[in-house]
Amino acid sequence: MLGASQSGGRSSLRLLRAVRDAALIDEARAEAAAVVGSDAALAGFPALADAVASWLDPEREAFLERG
């Protein structure tokens, strides 16, 4: 749900509306939890691991951990 106006970065993803897209958000959260639960290092998902590593920097990590 972090769009450019919320996180300060550019994204090709459309912004989600929390109420309208609640089911999609829940589904994405469950899928993400399943992936991380089965492979926390994302070794089986190298493209995803690279995307996460390139998107997160220490400042963004600190912001996400505050939540």
PDB file of N, CA and C in Angstrom:
ATOM      1  N   MET A   1       0.805  -1.185   0.000  1.00  0.00           N
ATOM      2  CA  MET A   1       0.000   0.000   0.000  1.00  0.00           C
ATOM      3  C   MET A   1       0.850   1.252   0.000  1.00  0.00           C
ATOM      4  N   LEU A   2       2.159   1.091   0.073  1.00  0.00           N
ATOM      5  CA  LEU A   2       3.021   2.259   0.061  1.00  0.00           C
ATOM      6  C   LEU A   2       3.185   2.742  -1.361  1.00  0.00           C
ATOM      7  N   GLY A   3       2.550   3.815  -1.697  1.00  0.00           N
ATOM      8  CA  GLY A   3       2.679   4.414  -3.019  1.00  0.00           C
ATOM      9  C   GLY A   3       3.713   5.508  -2.985  1.00  0.00           C
ATOM     10  N   ALA A   4       3.921   6.149  -4.102  1.00  0.00           N
ATOM     11  CA  ALA A   4       4.933   7.200  -4.194  1.00  0.00           C
ATOM     12  C   ALA A   4       4.663   8.310  -3.199  1.00  0.00           C
ATOM     13  N   SER A   5       3.415   8.680  -3.029  1.00  0.00           N
ATOM     14  CA  SER A   5       3.117   9.781  -2.119  1.00  0.00           C
ATOM     15  C   SER A   5       3.300   9.377  -0.661  1.00  0.00           C
ATOM     16  N   GLN A   6       3.234   8.078  -0.378  1.00  0.00           N
ATOM     17  CA  GLN A   6       3.383   7.616   0.996  1.00  0.00           C
ATOM     18  C   GLN A   6       4.827   7.291   1.340  1.00  0.00           C
ATOM     19  N   SER A   7       5.559   6.686   0.423  1.00  0.00           N
ATOM     20  CA  SER A   7       6.910   6.241   0.740  1.00  0.00           C
ATOM     21  C   SER A   7       7.992   7.135   0.148  1.00  0.00           C
ATOM     22  N   GLY A   8       7.608   8.032  -0.745  1.00  0.00           N
ATOM     23  CA  GLY A   8       8.578   8.914  -1.360  1.00  0.00           C
ATOM     24  C   GLY A   8       9.237   8.348  -2.596  1.00  0.00           C
ATOM     25  N   GLY A   9       8.931   7.111  -2.957  1.00  0.00           N
ATOM     26  CA  GLY A   9       9.540   6.489  -4.131  1.00  0.00           C
ATOM     27  C   GLY A   9       8.541   6.331  -5.254  1.00  0.00           C
ATOM     28  N   ARG A  10       9.060   6.054  -6.424  1.00  0.00           N
ATOM     29  CA  ARG A  10       8.188   5.812  -7.577  1.00  0.00           C
ATOM     30  C   ARG A  10       7.851   4.333  -7.645  1.00  0.00           C
ATOM     31  N   SER A  11       6.654   4.041  -8.081  1.00  0.00           N
ATOM     32  CA  SER A  11       6.219   2.662  -8.195  1.00  0.00           C
ATOM     33  C   SER A  11       5.368   2.522  -9.444  1.00  0.00           C
ATOM     34  N   SER A  12       5.495   1.377 -10.106  1.00  0.00           N
ATOM     35  CA  SER A  12       4.654   1.116 -11.264  1.00  0.00           C
ATOM     36  C   SER A  12       3.325   0.499 -10.836  1.00  0.00           C
ATOM     37  N   LEU A  13       3.198   0.197  -9.552  1.00  0.00           N
ATOM     38  CA  LEU A  13       1.962  -0.385  -9.041  1.00  0.00           C
ATOM     39  C   LEU A  13       0.931   0.704  -8.804  1.00  0.00           C
ATOM     40  N   ARG A  14      -0.325   0.353  -9.030  1.00  0.00           N
ATOM     41  CA  ARG A  14      -1.370   1.320  -8.726  1.00  0.00           C
ATOM     42  C   ARG A  14      -1.580   1.331  -7.219  1.00  0.00           C
ATOM     43  N   LEU A  15      -2.031   2.441  -6.709  1.00  0.00           N
ATOM     44  CA  LEU A  15      -2.293   2.528  -5.283  1.00  0.00           C
ATOM     45  C   LEU A  15      -3.541   1.730  -4.937  1.00  0.00           C
ATOM     46  N   LEU A  16      -3.466   1.024  -3.846  1.00  0.00           N
ATOM     47  CA  LEU A  16      -4.613   0.265  -3.387  1.00  0.00           C
ATOM     48  C   LEU A  16      -5.456   1.141  -2.470  1.00  0.00           C
ATOM     49  N   ARG A  17      -6.717   0.893  -2.467  1.00  0.00           N
ATOM     50  CA  ARG A  17      -7.627   1.539  -1.538  1.00  0.00           C
ATOM     51  C   ARG A  17      -7.905   0.517  -0.440  1.00  0.00           C
ATOM     52  N   ALA A  18      -7.600   0.876   0.809  1.00  0.00           N
ATOM     53  CA  ALA A  18      -7.670  -0.077   1.917  1.00  0.00           C
ATOM     54  C   ALA A  18      -9.039  -0.735   2.043  1.00  0.00           C
ATOM     55  N   VAL A  19     -10.108   0.008   1.906  1.00  0.00           N
ATOM     56  CA  VAL A  19     -11.440  -0.573   2.062  1.00  0.00           C
ATOM     57  C   VAL A  19     -11.830  -1.348   0.813  1.00  0.00           C
ATOM     58  N   ARG A  20     -11.684  -0.737  -0.338  1.00  0.00           N
ATOM     59  CA  ARG A  20     -12.093  -1.374  -1.590  1.00  0.00           C
ATOM     60  C   ARG A  20     -11.284  -2.633  -1.877  1.00  0.00           C
ATOM     61  N   ASP A  21     -10.005  -2.625  -1.565  1.00  0.00           N
ATOM     62  CA  ASP A  21      -9.117  -3.719  -1.923  1.00  0.00           C
ATOM     63  C   ASP A  21      -8.742  -4.601  -0.732  1.00  0.00           C
ATOM     64  N   ALA A  22      -9.562  -4.614   0.304  1.00  0.00           N
ATOM     65  CA  ALA A  22      -9.247  -5.376   1.519  1.00  0.00           C
ATOM     66  C   ALA A  22      -9.016  -6.854   1.219  1.00  0.00           C
ATOM     67  N   ALA A  23      -9.849  -7.452   0.379  1.00  0.00           N
ATOM     68  CA  ALA A  23      -9.689  -8.874   0.075  1.00  0.00           C
ATOM     69  C   ALA A  23      -8.369  -9.133  -0.651  1.00  0.00           C
ATOM     70  N   LEU A  24      -8.024  -8.268  -1.591  1.00  0.00           N
ATOM     71  CA  LEU A  24      -6.766  -8.412  -2.321  1.00  0.00           C
ATOM     72  C   LEU A  24      -5.568  -8.242  -1.390  1.00  0.00           C
ATOM     73  N   ILE A  25      -5.663  -7.289  -0.489  1.00  0.00           N
ATOM     74  CA  ILE A  25      -4.586  -7.057   0.477  1.00  0.00           C
ATOM     75  C   ILE A  25      -4.420  -8.278   1.380  1.00  0.00           C
ATOM     76  N   ASP A  26      -5.526  -8.835   1.864  1.00  0.00           N
ATOM     77  CA  ASP A  26      -5.465 -10.033   2.705  1.00  0.00           C
ATOM     78  C   ASP A  26      -4.855 -11.214   1.949  1.00  0.00           C
ATOM     79  N   GLU A  27      -5.252 -11.376   0.682  1.00  0.00           N
ATOM     80  CA  GLU A  27      -4.709 -12.466  -0.130  1.00  0.00           C
ATOM     81  C   GLU A  27      -3.208 -12.288  -0.351  1.00  0.00           C
ATOM     82  N   ALA A  28      -2.792 -11.067  -0.651  1.00  0.00           N
ATOM     83  CA  ALA A  28      -1.362 -10.794  -0.866  1.00  0.00           C
ATOM     84  C   ALA A  28      -0.566 -11.033   0.407  1.00  0.00           C
ATOM     85  N   ARG A  29      -1.123 -10.627   1.544  1.00  0.00           N
ATOM     86  CA  ARG A  29      -0.448 -10.841   2.823  1.00  0.00           C
ATOM     87  C   ARG A  29      -0.282 -12.335   3.100  1.00  0.00           C
ATOM     88  N   ALA A  30      -1.321 -13.115   2.833  1.00  0.00           N
ATOM     89  CA  ALA A  30      -1.253 -14.560   3.057  1.00  0.00           C
ATOM     90  C   ALA A  30      -0.225 -15.210   2.128  1.00  0.00           C
ATOM     91  N   GLU A  31      -0.217 -14.795   0.866  1.00  0.00           N
ATOM     92  CA  GLU A  31       0.763 -15.342  -0.087  1.00  0.00           C
ATOM     93  C   GLU A  31       2.184 -14.988   0.341  1.00  0.00           C
ATOM     94  N   ALA A  32       2.396 -13.746   0.754  1.00  0.00           N
ATOM     95  CA  ALA A  32       3.725 -13.316   1.193  1.00  0.00           C
ATOM     96  C   ALA A  32       4.168 -14.101   2.419  1.00  0.00           C
ATOM     97  N   ALA A  33       3.255 -14.295   3.367  1.00  0.00           N
ATOM     98  CA  ALA A  33       3.581 -15.053   4.574  1.00  0.00           C
ATOM     99  C   ALA A  33       3.941 -16.496   4.228  1.00  0.00           C
ATOM    100  N   ALA A  34       3.235 -17.072   3.270  1.00  0.00           N
ATOM    101  CA  ALA A  34       3.529 -18.445   2.856  1.00  0.00           C
ATOM    102  C   ALA A  34       4.906 -18.540   2.217  1.00  0.00           C
ATOM    103  N   VAL A  35       5.237 -17.592   1.375  1.00  0.00           N
ATOM    104  CA  VAL A  35       6.553 -17.595   0.718  1.00  0.00           C
ATOM    105  C   VAL A  35       7.652 -17.441   1.756  1.00  0.00           C
ATOM    106  N   VAL A  36       7.526 -16.448   2.615  1.00  0.00           N
ATOM    107  CA  VAL A  36       8.561 -16.196   3.624  1.00  0.00           C
ATOM    108  C   VAL A  36       8.610 -17.334   4.641  1.00  0.00           C
ATOM    109  N   GLY A  37       7.449 -17.897   4.969  1.00  0.00           N
ATOM    110  CA  GLY A  37       7.415 -19.006   5.912  1.00  0.00           C
ATOM    111  C   GLY A  37       8.120 -20.245   5.402  1.00  0.00           C
ATOM    112  N   SER A  38       8.058 -20.455   4.083  1.00  0.00           N
ATOM    113  CA  SER A  38       8.696 -21.631   3.510  1.00  0.00           C
ATOM    114  C   SER A  38      10.146 -21.383   3.095  1.00  0.00           C
ATOM    115  N   ASP A  39      10.520 -20.123   2.926  1.00  0.00           N
ATOM    116  CA  ASP A  39      11.857 -19.796   2.414  1.00  0.00           C
ATOM    117  C   ASP A  39      12.212 -18.369   2.825  1.00  0.00           C
ATOM    118  N   ALA A  40      12.528 -18.173   4.107  1.00  0.00           N
ATOM    119  CA  ALA A  40      12.758 -16.831   4.650  1.00  0.00           C
ATOM    120  C   ALA A  40      13.887 -16.079   3.944  1.00  0.00           C
ATOM    121  N   ALA A  41      14.872 -16.795   3.440  1.00  0.00           N
ATOM    122  CA  ALA A  41      15.983 -16.149   2.740  1.00  0.00           C
ATOM    123  C   ALA A  41      15.665 -15.886   1.273  1.00  0.00           C
ATOM    124  N   LEU A  42      14.500 -16.362   0.823  1.00  0.00           N
ATOM    125  CA  LEU A  42      14.070 -16.228  -0.571  1.00  0.00           C
ATOM    126  C   LEU A  42      15.052 -16.860  -1.549  1.00  0.00           C
ATOM    127  N   ALA A  43      15.744 -17.906  -1.098  1.00  0.00           N
ATOM    128  CA  ALA A  43      16.712 -18.590  -1.956  1.00  0.00           C
ATOM    129  C   ALA A  43      16.048 -19.191  -3.189  1.00  0.00           C
ATOM    130  N   GLY A  44      14.835 -19.637  -3.050  1.00  0.00           N
ATOM    131  CA  GLY A  44      14.104 -20.216  -4.180  1.00  0.00           C
ATOM    132  C   GLY A  44      13.415 -19.177  -5.042  1.00  0.00           C
ATOM    133  N   PHE A  45      13.541 -17.927  -4.663  1.00  0.00           N
ATOM    134  CA  PHE A  45      12.906 -16.823  -5.382  1.00  0.00           C
ATOM    135  C   PHE A  45      13.936 -15.718  -5.626  1.00  0.00           C
ATOM    136  N   PRO A  46      14.971 -15.994  -6.425  1.00  0.00           N
ATOM    137  CA  PRO A  46      16.063 -15.027  -6.565  1.00  0.00           C
ATOM    138  C   PRO A  46      15.619 -13.676  -7.131  1.00  0.00           C
ATOM    139  N   ALA A  47      14.682 -13.671  -8.048  1.00  0.00           N
ATOM    140  CA  ALA A  47      14.229 -12.393  -8.602  1.00  0.00           C
ATOM    141  C   ALA A  47      13.516 -11.570  -7.530  1.00  0.00           C
ATOM    142  N   LEU A  48      12.720 -12.230  -6.699  1.00  0.00           N
ATOM    143  CA  LEU A  48      12.043 -11.546  -5.609  1.00  0.00           C
ATOM    144  C   LEU A  48      13.055 -11.036  -4.585  1.00  0.00           C
ATOM    145  N   ALA A  49      14.038 -11.862  -4.258  1.00  0.00           N
ATOM    146  CA  ALA A  49      15.079 -11.444  -3.311  1.00  0.00           C
ATOM    147  C   ALA A  49      15.823 -10.219  -3.826  1.00  0.00           C
ATOM    148  N   ASP A  50      16.135 -10.204  -5.122  1.00  0.00           N
ATOM    149  CA  ASP A  50      16.813  -9.046  -5.710  1.00  0.00           C
ATOM    150  C   ASP A  50      15.930  -7.810  -5.676  1.00  0.00           C
ATOM    151  N   ALA A  51      14.642  -7.987  -5.981  1.00  0.00           N
ATOM    152  CA  ALA A  51      13.718  -6.850  -5.971  1.00  0.00           C
ATOM    153  C   ALA A  51      13.582  -6.266  -4.571  1.00  0.00           C
ATOM    154  N   VAL A  52      13.471  -7.139  -3.588  1.00  0.00           N
ATOM    155  CA  VAL A  52      13.362  -6.669  -2.205  1.00  0.00           C
ATOM    156  C   VAL A  52      14.636  -5.949  -1.799  1.00  0.00           C
ATOM    157  N   ALA A  53      15.777  -6.534  -2.103  1.00  0.00           N
ATOM    158  CA  ALA A  53      17.058  -5.920  -1.733  1.00  0.00           C
ATOM    159  C   ALA A  53      17.250  -4.571  -2.402  1.00  0.00           C
ATOM    160  N   SER A  54      16.841  -4.449  -3.662  1.00  0.00           N
ATOM    161  CA  SER A  54      17.040  -3.174  -4.350  1.00  0.00           C
ATOM    162  C   SER A  54      16.034  -2.122  -3.905  1.00  0.00           C
ATOM    163  N   TRP A  55      14.867  -2.562  -3.447  1.00  0.00           N
ATOM    164  CA  TRP A  55      13.843  -1.605  -3.031  1.00  0.00           C
ATOM    165  C   TRP A  55      14.091  -1.086  -1.631  1.00  0.00           C
ATOM    166  N   LEU A  56      14.554  -1.966  -0.745  1.00  0.00           N
ATOM    167  CA  LEU A  56      14.766  -1.562   0.640  1.00  0.00           C
ATOM    168  C   LEU A  56      16.158  -0.975   0.825  1.00  0.00           C
ATOM    169  N   ASP A  57      16.199   0.108   1.514  1.00  0.00           N
ATOM    170  CA  ASP A  57      17.447   0.675   1.963  1.00  0.00           C
ATOM    171  C   ASP A  57      17.301   0.874   3.476  1.00  0.00           C
ATOM    172  N   PRO A  58      18.355   1.197   4.193  1.00  0.00           N
ATOM    173  CA  PRO A  58      18.249   1.298   5.654  1.00  0.00           C
ATOM    174  C   PRO A  58      17.151   2.255   6.134  1.00  0.00           C
ATOM    175  N   GLU A  59      16.965   3.365   5.446  1.00  0.00           N
ATOM    176  CA  GLU A  59      15.929   4.318   5.859  1.00  0.00           C
ATOM    177  C   GLU A  59      14.533   3.721   5.691  1.00  0.00           C
ATOM    178  N   ARG A  60      14.290   3.059   4.568  1.00  0.00           N
ATOM    179  CA  ARG A  60      12.989   2.421   4.349  1.00  0.00           C
ATOM    180  C   ARG A  60      12.767   1.282   5.333  1.00  0.00           C
ATOM    181  N   GLU A  61      13.814   0.498   5.615  1.00  0.00           N
ATOM    182  CA  GLU A  61      13.690  -0.597   6.577  1.00  0.00           C
ATOM    183  C   GLU A  61      13.293  -0.052   7.947  1.00  0.00           C
ATOM    184  N   ALA A  62      13.921   1.025   8.369  1.00  0.00           N
ATOM    185  CA  ALA A  62      13.587   1.622   9.664  1.00  0.00           C
ATOM    186  C   ALA A  62      12.137   2.084   9.683  1.00  0.00           C
ATOM    187  N   PHE A  63      11.663   2.667   8.574  1.00  0.00           N
ATOM    188  CA  PHE A  63      10.275   3.112   8.476  1.00  0.00           C
ATOM    189  C   PHE A  63       9.331   1.931   8.602  1.00  0.00           C
ATOM    190  N   LEU A  64       9.603   0.835   7.898  1.00  0.00           N
ATOM    191  CA  LEU A  64       8.729  -0.328   7.933  1.00  0.00           C
ATOM    192  C   LEU A  64       8.741  -1.022   9.285  1.00  0.00           C
ATOM    193  N   GLU A  65       9.878  -1.010   9.964  1.00  0.00           N
ATOM    194  CA  GLU A  65       9.973  -1.667  11.261  1.00  0.00           C
ATOM    195  C   GLU A  65       9.269  -0.872  12.352  1.00  0.00           C
ATOM    196  N   ARG A  66       9.062   0.438  12.152  1.00  0.00           N
ATOM    197  CA  ARG A  66       8.367   1.254  13.152  1.00  0.00           C
ATOM    198  C   ARG A  66       6.905   0.879  13.267  1.00  0.00           C
ATOM    199  N   GLY A  67       6.312   0.355  12.158  1.00  0.00           N
ATOM    200  CA  GLY A  67       4.887   0.065  12.095  1.00  0.00           C
ATOM    201  C   GLY A  67       4.437  -0.850  13.143  1.00  0.00           C
TER     202      GLY A  67
END
